[in-house]
Amino acid sequence: MVTYTVCEIFYSLQGEGMLQGLPMVFVRLSGCNLRCDFCDTKYAWEKGQEMTVEAILKAVRNYSCHRACLTGGEPFLQPLLPLVRRLKQAGYWVAAETNGTLWQELGLDWLTLSPKKEGLRLHQNGYDERFRKVASEFKYVITNAEDLKRVENNQGCPVILQPVDNNPEMVKAIIDFLKKEGRPQRFLRLQLQKVLNFR
């Protein structure tokens, strides 16, 4: 029987990316293979509660929403296909966010690919290239001006530039970058949950 190490399951609005403001049930899985120093969910790195697919589904069903988001930590450290299949079988629209270093083919409804500079030690662009064809959006967390140089030009989907912790200096750097580049499908997005103080 497949079990998952789960940090927490909660109901909120998506605070980041193109789906900002959309209600979702978040299944936060434990563990991370990159452990970026700027991470705002470091508590998810440690061991969580072991749960079966059915136990997770039961917890998700406590909420009226039929959208589920698998997040972390790094959810792709765990074999997600049985969980994704069961959620979709139960009628859920399923999203996930990954740093892109660990490939799994899952048939998700939405995939946020968030490459990190720490992933460059594993892949040339910081992520497995197979994710490029299935990503619904790329999300780059901008911690300094150097991070903007990693933003690619050929993703074929929306590209989110998110200033780390809504840092005002990084907001200005992103604005300047976007104005200079002038490319479509690139967006500045703050972390809405931090702006409006919700969980």
N, C-alpha and C. Protein backbone atom coordinates (compact mmCIF):
# COMPACT_ATOMS: atom_id res chain seq x y z
N MET A 1 0.85 -1.19 0.00
CA MET A 1 0.00 0.00 0.00
C MET A 1 0.88 1.25 0.00
N VAL A 2 0.59 2.16 -0.91
CA VAL A 2 1.36 3.40 -1.00
C VAL A 2 0.95 4.34 0.12
N THR A 3 1.94 4.89 0.81
CA THR A 3 1.67 5.92 1.81
C THR A 3 2.50 7.16 1.47
N TYR A 4 2.03 8.28 1.97
CA TYR A 4 2.69 9.56 1.73
C TYR A 4 3.03 10.22 3.06
N THR A 5 4.14 10.93 3.06
CA THR A 5 4.50 11.71 4.24
C THR A 5 3.93 13.11 4.05
N VAL A 6 2.94 13.45 4.86
CA VAL A 6 2.16 14.68 4.68
C VAL A 6 2.47 15.66 5.81
N CYS A 7 2.81 16.87 5.43
CA CYS A 7 3.07 17.92 6.42
C CYS A 7 1.76 18.50 6.95
N GLU A 8 0.84 18.82 6.03
CA GLU A 8 -0.44 19.40 6.43
C GLU A 8 -1.40 19.39 5.24
N ILE A 9 -2.69 19.45 5.57
CA ILE A 9 -3.75 19.58 4.58
C ILE A 9 -4.64 20.72 5.05
N PHE A 10 -4.85 21.71 4.18
CA PHE A 10 -5.65 22.87 4.60
C PHE A 10 -6.35 23.48 3.40
N TYR A 11 -7.36 24.29 3.68
CA TYR A 11 -8.18 24.93 2.64
C TYR A 11 -7.93 26.42 2.66
N SER A 12 -7.61 26.97 1.50
CA SER A 12 -7.34 28.41 1.42
C SER A 12 -7.51 28.87 -0.03
N LEU A 13 -7.02 30.06 -0.31
CA LEU A 13 -6.94 30.56 -1.68
C LEU A 13 -5.52 30.42 -2.17
N GLN A 14 -5.38 30.17 -3.46
CA GLN A 14 -4.04 30.18 -4.05
C GLN A 14 -3.51 31.62 -3.98
N GLY A 15 -2.34 31.78 -3.39
CA GLY A 15 -1.79 33.11 -3.20
C GLY A 15 -0.76 33.51 -4.24
N GLU A 16 -0.38 32.59 -5.13
CA GLU A 16 0.73 32.85 -6.04
C GLU A 16 0.38 32.46 -7.48
N GLY A 17 1.09 33.06 -8.42
CA GLY A 17 0.99 32.67 -9.82
C GLY A 17 -0.28 33.11 -10.51
N MET A 18 -0.56 32.47 -11.64
CA MET A 18 -1.70 32.84 -12.47
C MET A 18 -3.04 32.47 -11.83
N LEU A 19 -3.04 31.58 -10.87
CA LEU A 19 -4.29 31.13 -10.24
C LEU A 19 -4.57 31.87 -8.92
N GLN A 20 -3.92 33.00 -8.72
CA GLN A 20 -4.14 33.77 -7.49
C GLN A 20 -5.63 33.98 -7.24
N GLY A 21 -6.03 33.76 -5.99
CA GLY A 21 -7.40 34.02 -5.59
C GLY A 21 -8.34 32.84 -5.76
N LEU A 22 -7.87 31.75 -6.34
CA LEU A 22 -8.72 30.59 -6.58
C LEU A 22 -8.72 29.68 -5.35
N PRO A 23 -9.90 29.34 -4.80
CA PRO A 23 -9.94 28.43 -3.65
C PRO A 23 -9.40 27.05 -4.00
N MET A 24 -8.60 26.49 -3.09
CA MET A 24 -8.03 25.16 -3.29
C MET A 24 -7.82 24.49 -1.94
N VAL A 25 -7.84 23.16 -1.97
CA VAL A 25 -7.41 22.38 -0.82
C VAL A 25 -5.94 22.03 -1.06
N PHE A 26 -5.08 22.43 -0.15
CA PHE A 26 -3.65 22.22 -0.31
C PHE A 26 -3.22 20.97 0.46
N VAL A 27 -2.54 20.09 -0.25
CA VAL A 27 -1.93 18.91 0.37
C VAL A 27 -0.42 19.16 0.34
N ARG A 28 0.11 19.56 1.48
CA ARG A 28 1.54 19.88 1.57
C ARG A 28 2.30 18.64 2.00
N LEU A 29 3.11 18.11 1.08
CA LEU A 29 3.90 16.92 1.35
C LEU A 29 5.25 17.30 1.95
N SER A 30 5.81 16.41 2.74
CA SER A 30 7.05 16.69 3.47
C SER A 30 8.28 16.36 2.64
N GLY A 31 9.38 17.04 2.97
CA GLY A 31 10.67 16.77 2.35
C GLY A 31 10.98 17.73 1.22
N CYS A 32 12.28 17.97 1.00
CA CYS A 32 12.73 18.77 -0.13
C CYS A 32 14.16 18.39 -0.47
N ASN A 33 14.46 18.36 -1.76
CA ASN A 33 15.80 17.98 -2.19
C ASN A 33 16.70 19.18 -2.46
N LEU A 34 16.16 20.40 -2.42
CA LEU A 34 16.98 21.59 -2.67
C LEU A 34 17.21 22.43 -1.41
N ARG A 35 16.18 22.62 -0.62
CA ARG A 35 16.28 23.36 0.64
C ARG A 35 16.90 24.75 0.45
N CYS A 36 16.24 25.55 -0.36
CA CYS A 36 16.71 26.92 -0.63
C CYS A 36 16.69 27.74 0.65
N ASP A 37 17.68 28.60 0.81
CA ASP A 37 17.77 29.38 2.05
C ASP A 37 16.63 30.38 2.21
N PHE A 38 15.98 30.77 1.12
CA PHE A 38 14.89 31.74 1.19
C PHE A 38 13.51 31.09 1.37
N CYS A 39 13.46 29.78 1.45
CA CYS A 39 12.19 29.06 1.54
C CYS A 39 11.34 29.55 2.70
N ASP A 40 10.04 29.76 2.44
CA ASP A 40 9.14 30.21 3.51
C ASP A 40 8.29 29.08 4.07
N THR A 41 8.60 27.83 3.68
CA THR A 41 7.91 26.67 4.27
C THR A 41 8.95 25.65 4.72
N LYS A 42 9.97 26.12 5.40
CA LYS A 42 11.03 25.20 5.86
C LYS A 42 10.50 24.13 6.81
N TYR A 43 9.38 24.43 7.45
CA TYR A 43 8.79 23.44 8.36
C TYR A 43 8.35 22.19 7.60
N ALA A 44 8.17 22.30 6.28
CA ALA A 44 7.77 21.15 5.49
C ALA A 44 8.94 20.24 5.13
N TRP A 45 10.16 20.67 5.42
CA TRP A 45 11.33 19.84 5.12
C TRP A 45 11.39 18.61 6.01
N GLU A 46 10.87 18.73 7.20
CA GLU A 46 11.01 17.65 8.18
C GLU A 46 9.91 16.61 8.00
N LYS A 47 10.05 15.53 8.71
CA LYS A 47 9.12 14.41 8.59
C LYS A 47 7.72 14.82 9.03
N GLY A 48 6.73 14.33 8.29
CA GLY A 48 5.33 14.61 8.61
C GLY A 48 4.61 13.34 9.03
N GLN A 49 3.31 13.32 8.78
CA GLN A 49 2.47 12.19 9.16
C GLN A 49 2.30 11.25 7.97
N GLU A 50 2.45 9.96 8.20
CA GLU A 50 2.26 8.98 7.14
C GLU A 50 0.76 8.78 6.91
N MET A 51 0.34 8.92 5.64
CA MET A 51 -1.07 8.81 5.30
C MET A 51 -1.23 8.00 4.01
N THR A 52 -2.27 7.18 3.97
CA THR A 52 -2.60 6.44 2.75
C THR A 52 -3.34 7.38 1.79
N VAL A 53 -3.49 6.93 0.55
CA VAL A 53 -4.25 7.69 -0.44
C VAL A 53 -5.66 7.95 0.07
N GLU A 54 -6.30 6.93 0.61
CA GLU A 54 -7.68 7.08 1.08
C GLU A 54 -7.78 8.02 2.27
N ALA A 55 -6.77 8.01 3.13
CA ALA A 55 -6.77 8.94 4.27
C ALA A 55 -6.63 10.38 3.80
N ILE A 56 -5.78 10.59 2.79
CA ILE A 56 -5.63 11.94 2.23
C ILE A 56 -6.94 12.38 1.59
N LEU A 57 -7.55 11.50 0.80
CA LEU A 57 -8.81 11.84 0.14
C LEU A 57 -9.89 12.17 1.17
N LYS A 58 -9.94 11.42 2.24
CA LYS A 58 -10.92 11.69 3.29
C LYS A 58 -10.71 13.07 3.90
N ALA A 59 -9.43 13.44 4.13
CA ALA A 59 -9.12 14.76 4.69
C ALA A 59 -9.48 15.87 3.71
N VAL A 60 -9.19 15.64 2.42
CA VAL A 60 -9.51 16.64 1.39
C VAL A 60 -11.02 16.83 1.28
N ARG A 61 -11.77 15.74 1.46
CA ARG A 61 -13.24 15.80 1.34
C ARG A 61 -13.89 16.56 2.50
N ASN A 62 -13.12 16.91 3.53
CA ASN A 62 -13.67 17.72 4.62
C ASN A 62 -14.05 19.12 4.15
N TYR A 63 -13.59 19.50 2.95
CA TYR A 63 -13.84 20.84 2.43
C TYR A 63 -14.72 20.74 1.18
N SER A 64 -15.48 21.79 0.93
CA SER A 64 -16.44 21.76 -0.18
C SER A 64 -15.79 21.97 -1.54
N CYS A 65 -14.55 22.41 -1.57
CA CYS A 65 -13.86 22.71 -2.82
C CYS A 65 -13.44 21.42 -3.55
N HIS A 66 -13.55 21.43 -4.87
CA HIS A 66 -13.14 20.27 -5.67
C HIS A 66 -11.89 20.56 -6.50
N ARG A 67 -11.02 21.41 -5.93
CA ARG A 67 -9.69 21.63 -6.51
C ARG A 67 -8.66 21.29 -5.44
N ALA A 68 -7.67 20.50 -5.81
CA ALA A 68 -6.61 20.12 -4.88
C ALA A 68 -5.26 20.50 -5.46
N CYS A 69 -4.38 21.02 -4.61
CA CYS A 69 -3.04 21.40 -5.03
C CYS A 69 -2.01 20.64 -4.21
N LEU A 70 -1.14 19.89 -4.88
CA LEU A 70 -0.07 19.15 -4.22
C LEU A 70 1.16 20.05 -4.18
N THR A 71 1.63 20.33 -2.99
CA THR A 71 2.73 21.26 -2.82
C THR A 71 3.68 20.72 -1.76
N GLY A 72 4.65 21.52 -1.38
CA GLY A 72 5.65 21.04 -0.41
C GLY A 72 6.28 22.19 0.35
N GLY A 73 7.54 22.00 0.72
CA GLY A 73 8.49 21.01 0.31
C GLY A 73 8.56 20.82 -1.21
N GLU A 74 8.96 19.61 -1.55
CA GLU A 74 9.00 19.19 -2.96
C GLU A 74 8.17 17.92 -3.10
N PRO A 75 6.93 18.07 -3.59
CA PRO A 75 6.03 16.90 -3.65
C PRO A 75 6.52 15.79 -4.56
N PHE A 76 7.33 16.13 -5.57
CA PHE A 76 7.77 15.11 -6.53
C PHE A 76 8.83 14.17 -5.95
N LEU A 77 9.22 14.37 -4.72
CA LEU A 77 10.06 13.39 -4.03
C LEU A 77 9.30 12.10 -3.77
N GLN A 78 7.97 12.18 -3.75
CA GLN A 78 7.13 11.03 -3.46
C GLN A 78 6.40 10.60 -4.73
N PRO A 79 6.07 9.30 -4.87
CA PRO A 79 5.42 8.81 -6.09
C PRO A 79 3.96 9.27 -6.15
N LEU A 80 3.69 10.28 -6.95
CA LEU A 80 2.41 10.97 -6.89
C LEU A 80 1.29 10.33 -7.71
N LEU A 81 1.62 9.47 -8.65
CA LEU A 81 0.61 8.98 -9.58
C LEU A 81 -0.59 8.33 -8.89
N PRO A 82 -0.41 7.44 -7.91
CA PRO A 82 -1.59 6.85 -7.26
C PRO A 82 -2.50 7.90 -6.61
N LEU A 83 -1.89 8.92 -6.00
CA LEU A 83 -2.68 9.97 -5.36
C LEU A 83 -3.40 10.82 -6.39
N VAL A 84 -2.70 11.20 -7.45
CA VAL A 84 -3.32 12.02 -8.50
C VAL A 84 -4.47 11.26 -9.14
N ARG A 85 -4.26 10.00 -9.47
CA ARG A 85 -5.32 9.20 -10.09
C ARG A 85 -6.55 9.09 -9.20
N ARG A 86 -6.32 8.89 -7.89
CA ARG A 86 -7.45 8.73 -6.97
C ARG A 86 -8.22 10.04 -6.82
N LEU A 87 -7.49 11.16 -6.72
CA LEU A 87 -8.16 12.46 -6.61
C LEU A 87 -8.99 12.75 -7.86
N LYS A 88 -8.42 12.47 -9.03
CA LYS A 88 -9.15 12.73 -10.27
C LYS A 88 -10.35 11.78 -10.40
N GLN A 89 -10.17 10.53 -9.96
CA GLN A 89 -11.28 9.57 -9.96
C GLN A 89 -12.42 10.07 -9.08
N ALA A 90 -12.07 10.76 -8.01
CA ALA A 90 -13.08 11.29 -7.10
C ALA A 90 -13.64 12.64 -7.56
N GLY A 91 -13.22 13.10 -8.73
CA GLY A 91 -13.79 14.31 -9.31
C GLY A 91 -13.04 15.59 -9.02
N TYR A 92 -11.81 15.47 -8.56
CA TYR A 92 -11.03 16.66 -8.24
C TYR A 92 -10.21 17.15 -9.44
N TRP A 93 -10.13 18.47 -9.54
CA TRP A 93 -9.20 19.15 -10.45
C TRP A 93 -7.89 19.23 -9.68
N VAL A 94 -6.81 18.72 -10.26
CA VAL A 94 -5.58 18.55 -9.48
C VAL A 94 -4.43 19.38 -10.06
N ALA A 95 -3.85 20.18 -9.20
CA ALA A 95 -2.68 21.00 -9.54
C ALA A 95 -1.50 20.55 -8.68
N ALA A 96 -0.30 20.93 -9.11
CA ALA A 96 0.90 20.67 -8.30
C ALA A 96 1.93 21.74 -8.61
N GLU A 97 2.84 21.93 -7.65
CA GLU A 97 3.98 22.82 -7.85
C GLU A 97 5.25 22.03 -7.58
N THR A 98 6.25 22.22 -8.44
CA THR A 98 7.51 21.49 -8.30
C THR A 98 8.69 22.36 -8.68
N ASN A 99 9.85 22.03 -8.13
CA ASN A 99 11.07 22.71 -8.55
C ASN A 99 11.60 22.13 -9.86
N GLY A 100 11.02 21.04 -10.31
CA GLY A 100 11.32 20.50 -11.63
C GLY A 100 12.55 19.62 -11.72
N THR A 101 13.14 19.26 -10.61
CA THR A 101 14.36 18.45 -10.67
C THR A 101 14.07 16.95 -10.72
N LEU A 102 12.84 16.56 -10.40
CA LEU A 102 12.48 15.14 -10.32
C LEU A 102 11.27 14.86 -11.21
N TRP A 103 11.50 14.23 -12.32
CA TRP A 103 10.43 14.03 -13.31
C TRP A 103 9.45 12.95 -12.90
N GLN A 104 8.16 13.26 -13.05
CA GLN A 104 7.08 12.28 -13.00
C GLN A 104 6.04 12.71 -14.02
N GLU A 105 5.49 11.77 -14.74
CA GLU A 105 4.41 12.05 -15.69
C GLU A 105 3.09 11.73 -15.01
N LEU A 106 2.26 12.77 -14.82
CA LEU A 106 1.11 12.61 -13.94
C LEU A 106 -0.24 12.95 -14.56
N GLY A 107 -0.30 13.66 -15.66
CA GLY A 107 -1.58 14.05 -16.23
C GLY A 107 -2.33 15.03 -15.36
N LEU A 108 -1.62 16.00 -14.82
CA LEU A 108 -2.23 17.01 -13.95
C LEU A 108 -3.09 17.99 -14.76
N ASP A 109 -4.00 18.66 -14.07
CA ASP A 109 -4.79 19.72 -14.70
C ASP A 109 -4.01 21.03 -14.75
N TRP A 110 -3.09 21.22 -13.83
CA TRP A 110 -2.27 22.43 -13.80
C TRP A 110 -0.94 22.10 -13.14
N LEU A 111 0.15 22.55 -13.74
CA LEU A 111 1.47 22.32 -13.16
C LEU A 111 2.24 23.62 -13.12
N THR A 112 2.64 24.02 -11.92
CA THR A 112 3.52 25.17 -11.74
C THR A 112 4.94 24.66 -11.63
N LEU A 113 5.77 25.09 -12.56
CA LEU A 113 7.19 24.73 -12.54
C LEU A 113 7.96 25.93 -12.00
N SER A 114 8.62 25.73 -10.87
CA SER A 114 9.34 26.82 -10.21
C SER A 114 10.82 26.48 -10.08
N PRO A 115 11.58 26.71 -11.17
CA PRO A 115 13.01 26.37 -11.14
C PRO A 115 13.76 27.24 -10.12
N LYS A 116 14.71 26.63 -9.44
CA LYS A 116 15.52 27.34 -8.47
C LYS A 116 16.99 27.27 -8.89
N LYS A 117 17.76 28.27 -8.50
CA LYS A 117 19.19 28.26 -8.85
C LYS A 117 19.88 27.06 -8.22
N GLU A 118 19.38 26.58 -7.10
CA GLU A 118 19.95 25.40 -6.46
C GLU A 118 19.81 24.15 -7.33
N GLY A 119 18.83 24.18 -8.24
CA GLY A 119 18.64 23.06 -9.14
C GLY A 119 19.66 22.97 -10.27
N LEU A 120 20.47 24.02 -10.42
CA LEU A 120 21.47 24.03 -11.48
C LEU A 120 22.53 22.95 -11.28
N ARG A 121 22.68 22.48 -10.05
CA ARG A 121 23.65 21.40 -9.82
C ARG A 121 23.13 20.06 -10.32
N LEU A 122 21.84 20.00 -10.66
CA LEU A 122 21.22 18.76 -11.13
C LEU A 122 20.87 18.78 -12.61
N HIS A 123 20.55 19.97 -13.13
CA HIS A 123 20.13 20.11 -14.52
C HIS A 123 20.68 21.41 -15.09
N GLN A 124 20.89 21.45 -16.40
CA GLN A 124 21.50 22.60 -17.05
C GLN A 124 20.74 23.89 -16.80
N ASN A 125 19.40 23.83 -16.90
CA ASN A 125 18.58 25.02 -16.67
C ASN A 125 17.92 25.00 -15.29
N GLY A 126 18.31 24.05 -14.46
CA GLY A 126 17.75 23.96 -13.12
C GLY A 126 16.56 23.03 -13.00
N TYR A 127 16.12 22.45 -14.14
CA TYR A 127 14.97 21.55 -14.11
C TYR A 127 15.08 20.54 -15.25
N ASP A 128 14.40 19.42 -15.10
CA ASP A 128 14.33 18.38 -16.13
C ASP A 128 13.55 18.94 -17.32
N GLU A 129 14.13 18.90 -18.50
CA GLU A 129 13.54 19.51 -19.69
C GLU A 129 12.17 18.92 -20.06
N ARG A 130 11.86 17.72 -19.59
CA ARG A 130 10.56 17.13 -19.89
C ARG A 130 9.42 17.93 -19.29
N PHE A 131 9.70 18.70 -18.25
CA PHE A 131 8.65 19.53 -17.64
C PHE A 131 8.22 20.67 -18.56
N ARG A 132 9.08 21.06 -19.48
CA ARG A 132 8.76 22.19 -20.34
C ARG A 132 7.46 21.98 -21.12
N LYS A 133 7.22 20.73 -21.55
CA LYS A 133 6.04 20.44 -22.37
C LYS A 133 4.75 20.36 -21.56
N VAL A 134 4.85 20.15 -20.26
CA VAL A 134 3.65 19.96 -19.45
C VAL A 134 3.38 21.10 -18.48
N ALA A 135 4.31 22.05 -18.37
CA ALA A 135 4.13 23.15 -17.42
C ALA A 135 3.00 24.07 -17.87
N SER A 136 2.15 24.45 -16.93
CA SER A 136 1.10 25.44 -17.19
C SER A 136 1.62 26.85 -16.97
N GLU A 137 2.61 26.98 -16.11
CA GLU A 137 3.27 28.25 -15.85
C GLU A 137 4.66 27.98 -15.29
N PHE A 138 5.59 28.89 -15.55
CA PHE A 138 6.88 28.92 -14.89
C PHE A 138 6.80 30.00 -13.82
N LYS A 139 7.37 29.72 -12.65
CA LYS A 139 7.40 30.73 -11.59
C LYS A 139 8.82 30.84 -11.06
N TYR A 140 9.42 31.99 -11.27
CA TYR A 140 10.77 32.25 -10.77
C TYR A 140 10.69 33.11 -9.52
N VAL A 141 11.28 32.64 -8.43
CA VAL A 141 11.40 33.45 -7.22
C VAL A 141 12.67 34.29 -7.38
N ILE A 142 12.51 35.59 -7.36
CA ILE A 142 13.62 36.51 -7.62
C ILE A 142 14.18 37.00 -6.28
N THR A 143 15.40 36.56 -5.99
CA THR A 143 16.05 36.95 -4.73
C THR A 143 17.10 38.03 -4.93
N ASN A 144 17.59 38.17 -6.16
CA ASN A 144 18.58 39.20 -6.49
C ASN A 144 18.58 39.40 -8.01
N ALA A 145 19.34 40.38 -8.47
CA ALA A 145 19.36 40.72 -9.90
C ALA A 145 19.87 39.56 -10.75
N GLU A 146 20.75 38.73 -10.19
CA GLU A 146 21.29 37.60 -10.92
C GLU A 146 20.19 36.61 -11.31
N ASP A 147 19.18 36.49 -10.46
CA ASP A 147 18.08 35.55 -10.76
C ASP A 147 17.35 35.93 -12.05
N LEU A 148 17.29 37.20 -12.35
CA LEU A 148 16.60 37.64 -13.56
C LEU A 148 17.32 37.15 -14.82
N LYS A 149 18.61 36.91 -14.72
CA LYS A 149 19.38 36.42 -15.87
C LYS A 149 19.04 34.96 -16.19
N ARG A 150 18.43 34.25 -15.24
CA ARG A 150 18.06 32.85 -15.46
C ARG A 150 16.71 32.71 -16.15
N VAL A 151 15.97 33.80 -16.27
CA VAL A 151 14.64 33.74 -16.86
C VAL A 151 14.78 33.46 -18.36
N GLU A 152 14.19 32.37 -18.81
CA GLU A 152 14.31 31.96 -20.20
C GLU A 152 13.27 32.66 -21.07
N ASN A 153 13.45 32.55 -22.39
CA ASN A 153 12.60 33.28 -23.33
C ASN A 153 11.66 32.39 -24.12
N ASN A 154 11.72 31.09 -23.94
CA ASN A 154 10.97 30.20 -24.84
C ASN A 154 10.11 29.18 -24.09
N GLN A 155 9.50 29.59 -23.01
CA GLN A 155 8.71 28.63 -22.24
C GLN A 155 7.41 28.22 -22.92
N GLY A 156 6.76 29.13 -23.63
CA GLY A 156 5.50 28.80 -24.28
C GLY A 156 4.29 28.82 -23.35
N CYS A 157 4.45 29.36 -22.15
CA CYS A 157 3.36 29.49 -21.19
C CYS A 157 3.64 30.72 -20.34
N PRO A 158 2.70 31.15 -19.49
CA PRO A 158 2.97 32.32 -18.65
C PRO A 158 4.19 32.14 -17.77
N VAL A 159 4.92 33.24 -17.59
CA VAL A 159 6.12 33.25 -16.75
C VAL A 159 5.90 34.26 -15.63
N ILE A 160 5.91 33.75 -14.41
CA ILE A 160 5.69 34.57 -13.22
C ILE A 160 7.04 34.96 -12.63
N LEU A 161 7.20 36.23 -12.34
CA LEU A 161 8.38 36.72 -11.63
C LEU A 161 7.90 37.17 -10.25
N GLN A 162 8.31 36.45 -9.24
CA GLN A 162 7.82 36.66 -7.88
C GLN A 162 8.95 37.14 -6.98
N PRO A 163 8.88 38.36 -6.49
CA PRO A 163 9.94 38.86 -5.61
C PRO A 163 9.94 38.11 -4.28
N VAL A 164 11.10 37.67 -3.85
CA VAL A 164 11.19 36.90 -2.62
C VAL A 164 10.59 37.70 -1.46
N ASP A 165 9.66 37.09 -0.76
CA ASP A 165 9.03 37.70 0.41
C ASP A 165 8.47 39.09 0.11
N ASN A 166 8.04 39.32 -1.16
CA ASN A 166 7.51 40.61 -1.60
C ASN A 166 8.48 41.77 -1.37
N ASN A 167 9.76 41.49 -1.45
CA ASN A 167 10.81 42.48 -1.19
C ASN A 167 10.69 43.67 -2.14
N PRO A 168 10.56 44.91 -1.62
CA PRO A 168 10.37 46.09 -2.47
C PRO A 168 11.50 46.31 -3.47
N GLU A 169 12.73 46.03 -3.09
CA GLU A 169 13.85 46.20 -4.02
C GLU A 169 13.73 45.24 -5.19
N MET A 170 13.31 44.02 -4.90
CA MET A 170 13.15 43.05 -5.97
C MET A 170 11.93 43.37 -6.83
N VAL A 171 10.89 43.95 -6.22
CA VAL A 171 9.74 44.40 -7.00
C VAL A 171 10.19 45.41 -8.04
N LYS A 172 10.99 46.39 -7.62
CA LYS A 172 11.49 47.41 -8.54
C LYS A 172 12.36 46.79 -9.63
N ALA A 173 13.21 45.85 -9.24
CA ALA A 173 14.08 45.20 -10.24
C ALA A 173 13.26 44.44 -11.27
N ILE A 174 12.20 43.78 -10.82
CA ILE A 174 11.34 43.04 -11.74
C ILE A 174 10.59 44.00 -12.67
N ILE A 175 10.08 45.09 -12.11
CA ILE A 175 9.38 46.08 -12.94
C ILE A 175 10.31 46.62 -14.02
N ASP A 176 11.52 46.98 -13.65
CA ASP A 176 12.50 47.48 -14.62
C ASP A 176 12.79 46.43 -15.69
N PHE A 177 12.93 45.19 -15.25
CA PHE A 177 13.21 44.08 -16.17
C PHE A 177 12.08 43.90 -17.16
N LEU A 178 10.84 43.89 -16.67
CA LEU A 178 9.69 43.69 -17.54
C LEU A 178 9.51 44.83 -18.52
N LYS A 179 9.73 46.04 -18.06
CA LYS A 179 9.61 47.21 -18.94
C LYS A 179 10.67 47.18 -20.04
N LYS A 180 11.85 46.74 -19.69
CA LYS A 180 12.95 46.68 -20.66
C LYS A 180 12.72 45.56 -21.67
N GLU A 181 12.29 44.39 -21.19
CA GLU A 181 12.11 43.24 -22.06
C GLU A 181 10.88 43.39 -22.95
N GLY A 182 9.77 43.83 -22.36
CA GLY A 182 8.54 44.06 -23.11
C GLY A 182 7.93 42.81 -23.73
N ARG A 183 8.22 41.65 -23.17
CA ARG A 183 7.69 40.40 -23.73
C ARG A 183 6.29 40.10 -23.19
N PRO A 184 5.43 39.52 -24.04
CA PRO A 184 4.13 39.07 -23.53
C PRO A 184 4.31 37.83 -22.66
N GLN A 185 3.29 37.51 -21.91
CA GLN A 185 3.26 36.29 -21.10
C GLN A 185 4.25 36.31 -19.95
N ARG A 186 4.71 37.49 -19.55
CA ARG A 186 5.54 37.62 -18.35
C ARG A 186 4.82 38.53 -17.37
N PHE A 187 4.81 38.12 -16.10
CA PHE A 187 3.99 38.82 -15.13
C PHE A 187 4.72 38.98 -13.80
N LEU A 188 4.58 40.15 -13.20
CA LEU A 188 4.97 40.36 -11.81
C LEU A 188 3.81 39.90 -10.95
N ARG A 189 4.09 39.04 -9.98
CA ARG A 189 3.07 38.60 -9.03
C ARG A 189 3.67 38.60 -7.63
N LEU A 190 3.00 39.29 -6.73
CA LEU A 190 3.37 39.24 -5.31
C LEU A 190 2.73 38.01 -4.69
N GLN A 191 3.21 37.64 -3.50
CA GLN A 191 2.58 36.56 -2.74
C GLN A 191 1.35 37.15 -2.04
N LEU A 192 0.19 36.90 -2.60
CA LEU A 192 -1.04 37.51 -2.13
C LEU A 192 -1.35 37.17 -0.68
N GLN A 193 -0.99 35.94 -0.28
CA GLN A 193 -1.26 35.53 1.09
C GLN A 193 -0.49 36.37 2.11
N LYS A 194 0.66 36.90 1.69
CA LYS A 194 1.44 37.75 2.59
C LYS A 194 0.95 39.20 2.55
N VAL A 195 0.47 39.63 1.39
CA VAL A 195 -0.08 40.99 1.26
C VAL A 195 -1.35 41.11 2.09
N LEU A 196 -2.22 40.13 1.99
CA LEU A 196 -3.53 40.18 2.66
C LEU A 196 -3.57 39.42 3.98
N ASN A 197 -2.46 38.79 4.32
CA ASN A 197 -2.32 38.08 5.60
C ASN A 197 -3.39 37.01 5.80
N PHE A 198 -3.46 36.10 4.83
CA PHE A 198 -4.35 34.95 5.01
C PHE A 198 -3.55 33.68 4.85
N ARG A 199 -4.12 32.59 5.30
CA ARG A 199 -3.47 31.28 5.15
C ARG A 199 -4.33 30.41 4.26
